[in-house]
Amino acid sequence: MNVRKCELKDVEMLAILNKQLIDDEKSDNPMNVKELEERMKGFLATDYQAYFFEVDDNIVGYALVKTTCTPLYLRQFLIDRKYRKQHYGTEAFRSLMELLCVDNIDIEVLSWNEAGKRFWESCGFSEISRYMRYKG
């Protein structure tokens, strides 16, 4: 697996994959792909770096990492639906950690995302807090 750092020219594909992530997680984010492109441009212009995971010249997923905090923060991580159940997620995560040269990284998982929780626990993550929201 190749991990390739993304550039501004990659925001359209990043936005398409980000939309898939939003849909898969059943997030309440209402943004469409064009809006996600603009948001991704903002991420890349500030404290974030994005990476594509590639196998045989095919993009199988991506990650978005905030690089200005300690530990680093993995904001988004997705393996494209058509490449799941092939162990690419675990391989991508391990390759990303190696590329970033870190032993620790933080993530958030939506409370209803049981598949996401199981995946991250299988990678060695454990819960350290609960992020909550009041909607009055």
C-alpha atoms as a PDB file:
ATOM      1  CA  MET A   1       0.000   0.000   0.000  1.00  0.00           C
ATOM      2  CA  ASN A   2       1.197   3.464  -0.901  1.00  0.00           C
ATOM      3  CA  VAL A   3       0.338   6.476   1.267  1.00  0.00           C
ATOM      4  CA  ARG A   4       0.410   9.692  -0.726  1.00  0.00           C
ATOM      5  CA  LYS A   5       0.148  13.185   0.711  1.00  0.00           C
ATOM      6  CA  CYS A   6      -2.659  15.092  -0.991  1.00  0.00           C
ATOM      7  CA  GLU A   7      -2.429  18.486  -2.620  1.00  0.00           C
ATOM      8  CA  LEU A   8      -5.028  21.133  -3.474  1.00  0.00           C
ATOM      9  CA  LYS A   9      -5.612  19.435  -6.834  1.00  0.00           C
ATOM     10  CA  ASP A  10      -6.956  16.431  -4.882  1.00  0.00           C
ATOM     11  CA  VAL A  11      -9.799  18.237  -3.064  1.00  0.00           C
ATOM     12  CA  GLU A  12     -12.528  17.019  -5.420  1.00  0.00           C
ATOM     13  CA  MET A  13     -11.728  13.356  -4.746  1.00  0.00           C
ATOM     14  CA  LEU A  14     -11.237  14.080  -1.045  1.00  0.00           C
ATOM     15  CA  ALA A  15     -14.690  15.700  -0.943  1.00  0.00           C
ATOM     16  CA  ILE A  16     -16.311  12.723  -2.698  1.00  0.00           C
ATOM     17  CA  LEU A  17     -14.742  10.343  -0.189  1.00  0.00           C
ATOM     18  CA  ASN A  18     -15.636  12.658   2.693  1.00  0.00           C
ATOM     19  CA  LYS A  19     -19.293  12.601   1.560  1.00  0.00           C
ATOM     20  CA  GLN A  20     -19.182   8.798   1.619  1.00  0.00           C
ATOM     21  CA  LEU A  21     -17.770   8.949   5.158  1.00  0.00           C
ATOM     22  CA  ILE A  22     -20.542  11.331   6.261  1.00  0.00           C
ATOM     23  CA  ASP A  23     -23.201   9.058   4.750  1.00  0.00           C
ATOM     24  CA  ASP A  24     -21.691   5.854   6.163  1.00  0.00           C
ATOM     25  CA  GLU A  25     -21.421   7.328   9.661  1.00  0.00           C
ATOM     26  CA  LYS A  26     -24.968   8.719   9.464  1.00  0.00           C
ATOM     27  CA  SER A  27     -23.533  12.076  10.457  1.00  0.00           C
ATOM     28  CA  ASP A  28     -25.820  15.086  10.704  1.00  0.00           C
ATOM     29  CA  ASN A  29     -23.469  17.081   8.452  1.00  0.00           C
ATOM     30  CA  PRO A  30     -25.722  18.455   5.647  1.00  0.00           C
ATOM     31  CA  MET A  31     -22.921  19.547   3.282  1.00  0.00           C
ATOM     32  CA  ASN A  32     -22.914  18.504  -0.370  1.00  0.00           C
ATOM     33  CA  VAL A  33     -19.756  17.590  -2.305  1.00  0.00           C
ATOM     34  CA  LYS A  34     -19.122  21.161  -3.542  1.00  0.00           C
ATOM     35  CA  GLU A  35     -19.369  22.493   0.015  1.00  0.00           C
ATOM     36  CA  LEU A  36     -17.092  19.717   1.232  1.00  0.00           C
ATOM     37  CA  GLU A  37     -14.533  20.696  -1.426  1.00  0.00           C
ATOM     38  CA  GLU A  38     -14.423  24.228  -0.008  1.00  0.00           C
ATOM     39  CA  ARG A  39     -14.161  22.925   3.544  1.00  0.00           C
ATOM     40  CA  MET A  40     -11.339  20.573   2.509  1.00  0.00           C
ATOM     41  CA  LYS A  41      -9.469  23.498   0.910  1.00  0.00           C
ATOM     42  CA  GLY A  42      -9.739  25.271   4.260  1.00  0.00           C
ATOM     43  CA  PHE A  43      -8.420  22.245   6.127  1.00  0.00           C
ATOM     44  CA  LEU A  44      -5.431  21.909   3.797  1.00  0.00           C
ATOM     45  CA  ALA A  45      -4.679  25.638   4.029  1.00  0.00           C
ATOM     46  CA  THR A  46      -4.414  25.476   7.822  1.00  0.00           C
ATOM     47  CA  ASP A  47      -3.424  22.785  10.319  1.00  0.00           C
ATOM     48  CA  TYR A  48      -4.362  19.641   8.385  1.00  0.00           C
ATOM     49  CA  GLN A  49      -2.750  17.238   5.964  1.00  0.00           C
ATOM     50  CA  ALA A  50      -4.660  14.720   3.879  1.00  0.00           C
ATOM     51  CA  TYR A  51      -3.399  11.401   2.576  1.00  0.00           C
ATOM     52  CA  PHE A  52      -4.655   8.943  -0.024  1.00  0.00           C
ATOM     53  CA  PHE A  53      -4.206   5.220   0.467  1.00  0.00           C
ATOM     54  CA  GLU A  54      -3.419   3.610  -2.892  1.00  0.00           C
ATOM     55  CA  VAL A  55      -3.240   0.008  -4.051  1.00  0.00           C
ATOM     56  CA  ASP A  56      -2.279  -0.751  -7.656  1.00  0.00           C
ATOM     57  CA  ASP A  57      -2.799   2.932  -8.575  1.00  0.00           C
ATOM     58  CA  ASN A  58      -6.357   2.850  -7.156  1.00  0.00           C
ATOM     59  CA  ILE A  59      -7.357   5.181  -4.330  1.00  0.00           C
ATOM     60  CA  VAL A  60      -8.818   2.869  -1.704  1.00  0.00           C
ATOM     61  CA  GLY A  61      -9.270   5.494   1.015  1.00  0.00           C
ATOM     62  CA  TYR A  62      -8.040   8.629   2.688  1.00  0.00           C
ATOM     63  CA  ALA A  63      -7.187  10.234   6.012  1.00  0.00           C
ATOM     64  CA  LEU A  64      -7.249  13.815   7.270  1.00  0.00           C
ATOM     65  CA  VAL A  65      -4.848  14.563  10.121  1.00  0.00           C
ATOM     66  CA  LYS A  66      -4.476  17.682  12.259  1.00  0.00           C
ATOM     67  CA  THR A  67      -0.739  18.100  12.618  1.00  0.00           C
ATOM     68  CA  THR A  68      -0.455  21.008  15.064  1.00  0.00           C
ATOM     69  CA  CYS A  69      -1.482  19.204  18.235  1.00  0.00           C
ATOM     70  CA  THR A  70       0.039  16.571  20.450  1.00  0.00           C
ATOM     71  CA  PRO A  71      -0.936  13.867  20.019  1.00  0.00           C
ATOM     72  CA  LEU A  72      -1.924  14.326  16.386  1.00  0.00           C
ATOM     73  CA  TYR A  73      -5.663  14.187  15.659  1.00  0.00           C
ATOM     74  CA  LEU A  74      -7.049  11.850  13.007  1.00  0.00           C
ATOM     75  CA  ARG A  75     -10.170  13.777  12.009  1.00  0.00           C
ATOM     76  CA  GLN A  76     -11.285  11.651   9.059  1.00  0.00           C
ATOM     77  CA  PHE A  77     -10.458   8.139   7.929  1.00  0.00           C
ATOM     78  CA  LEU A  78     -12.240   6.124   5.265  1.00  0.00           C
ATOM     79  CA  ILE A  79     -11.752   3.037   3.194  1.00  0.00           C
ATOM     80  CA  ASP A  80     -13.971   3.224   0.103  1.00  0.00           C
ATOM     81  CA  ARG A  81     -16.944   0.830   0.279  1.00  0.00           C
ATOM     82  CA  LYS A  82     -15.751  -1.240  -2.673  1.00  0.00           C
ATOM     83  CA  TYR A  83     -12.424  -1.960  -0.938  1.00  0.00           C
ATOM     84  CA  ARG A  84     -13.701  -2.919   2.504  1.00  0.00           C
ATOM     85  CA  LYS A  85     -13.371  -6.368   4.082  1.00  0.00           C
ATOM     86  CA  GLN A  86      -9.932  -6.775   2.482  1.00  0.00           C
ATOM     87  CA  HIS A  87      -7.869  -5.578   5.487  1.00  0.00           C
ATOM     88  CA  TYR A  88      -7.018  -2.302   3.778  1.00  0.00           C
ATOM     89  CA  GLY A  89      -8.256  -0.315   6.792  1.00  0.00           C
ATOM     90  CA  THR A  90      -5.784  -1.872   9.191  1.00  0.00           C
ATOM     91  CA  GLU A  91      -2.978  -1.686   6.651  1.00  0.00           C
ATOM     92  CA  ALA A  92      -3.783   1.944   5.853  1.00  0.00           C
ATOM     93  CA  PHE A  93      -3.841   2.907   9.526  1.00  0.00           C
ATOM     94  CA  ARG A  94      -0.520   1.215  10.251  1.00  0.00           C
ATOM     95  CA  SER A  95       1.081   2.734   7.147  1.00  0.00           C
ATOM     96  CA  LEU A  96      -0.177   6.186   8.121  1.00  0.00           C
ATOM     97  CA  MET A  97       1.228   5.892  11.641  1.00  0.00           C
ATOM     98  CA  GLU A  98       4.571   4.812  10.221  1.00  0.00           C
ATOM     99  CA  LEU A  99       4.615   7.705   7.750  1.00  0.00           C
ATOM    100  CA  LEU A 100       3.731  10.190  10.488  1.00  0.00           C
ATOM    101  CA  CYS A 101       6.395   8.701  12.791  1.00  0.00           C
ATOM    102  CA  VAL A 102       4.079   8.706  15.804  1.00  0.00           C
ATOM    103  CA  ASP A 103       3.043   6.188  18.427  1.00  0.00           C
ATOM    104  CA  ASN A 104      -0.054   8.060  19.648  1.00  0.00           C
ATOM    105  CA  ILE A 105      -2.964   9.640  17.806  1.00  0.00           C
ATOM    106  CA  ASP A 106      -6.452  10.747  18.841  1.00  0.00           C
ATOM    107  CA  ILE A 107      -9.731  10.067  17.054  1.00  0.00           C
ATOM    108  CA  GLU A 108     -13.448  10.587  17.663  1.00  0.00           C
ATOM    109  CA  VAL A 109     -16.086   8.000  16.798  1.00  0.00           C
ATOM    110  CA  LEU A 110     -19.771   8.861  16.645  1.00  0.00           C
ATOM    111  CA  SER A 111     -21.550   7.151  19.528  1.00  0.00           C
ATOM    112  CA  TRP A 112     -23.882   5.176  17.241  1.00  0.00           C
ATOM    113  CA  ASN A 113     -21.093   3.991  14.920  1.00  0.00           C
ATOM    114  CA  GLU A 114     -20.642   0.473  16.302  1.00  0.00           C
ATOM    115  CA  ALA A 115     -18.693  -0.757  13.257  1.00  0.00           C
ATOM    116  CA  GLY A 116     -16.314   2.184  13.610  1.00  0.00           C
ATOM    117  CA  LYS A 117     -15.810   1.504  17.300  1.00  0.00           C
ATOM    118  CA  ARG A 118     -15.042  -2.167  16.618  1.00  0.00           C
ATOM    119  CA  PHE A 119     -12.571  -1.260  13.869  1.00  0.00           C
ATOM    120  CA  TRP A 120     -10.688   1.251  16.001  1.00  0.00           C
ATOM    121  CA  GLU A 121     -10.618  -1.070  19.001  1.00  0.00           C
ATOM    122  CA  SER A 122      -9.151  -3.777  16.739  1.00  0.00           C
ATOM    123  CA  CYS A 123      -6.389  -1.291  15.872  1.00  0.00           C
ATOM    124  CA  GLY A 124      -5.581  -0.854  19.575  1.00  0.00           C
ATOM    125  CA  PHE A 125      -7.632   2.223  20.503  1.00  0.00           C
ATOM    126  CA  SER A 126      -9.400   2.524  23.842  1.00  0.00           C
ATOM    127  CA  GLU A 127     -11.973   5.047  25.001  1.00  0.00           C
ATOM    128  CA  ILE A 128     -10.580   7.903  27.112  1.00  0.00           C
ATOM    129  CA  SER A 129     -13.505  10.351  27.136  1.00  0.00           C
ATOM    130  CA  ARG A 130     -17.019  11.019  25.900  1.00  0.00           C
ATOM    131  CA  TYR A 131     -17.742  14.038  23.760  1.00  0.00           C
ATOM    132  CA  MET A 132     -21.330  15.177  24.302  1.00  0.00           C
ATOM    133  CA  ARG A 133     -23.658  17.793  22.812  1.00  0.00           C
ATOM    134  CA  TYR A 134     -26.717  19.537  24.171  1.00  0.00           C
ATOM    135  CA  LYS A 135     -29.441  20.340  21.672  1.00  0.00           C
ATOM    136  CA  GLY A 136     -31.978  22.562  23.427  1.00  0.00           C
END
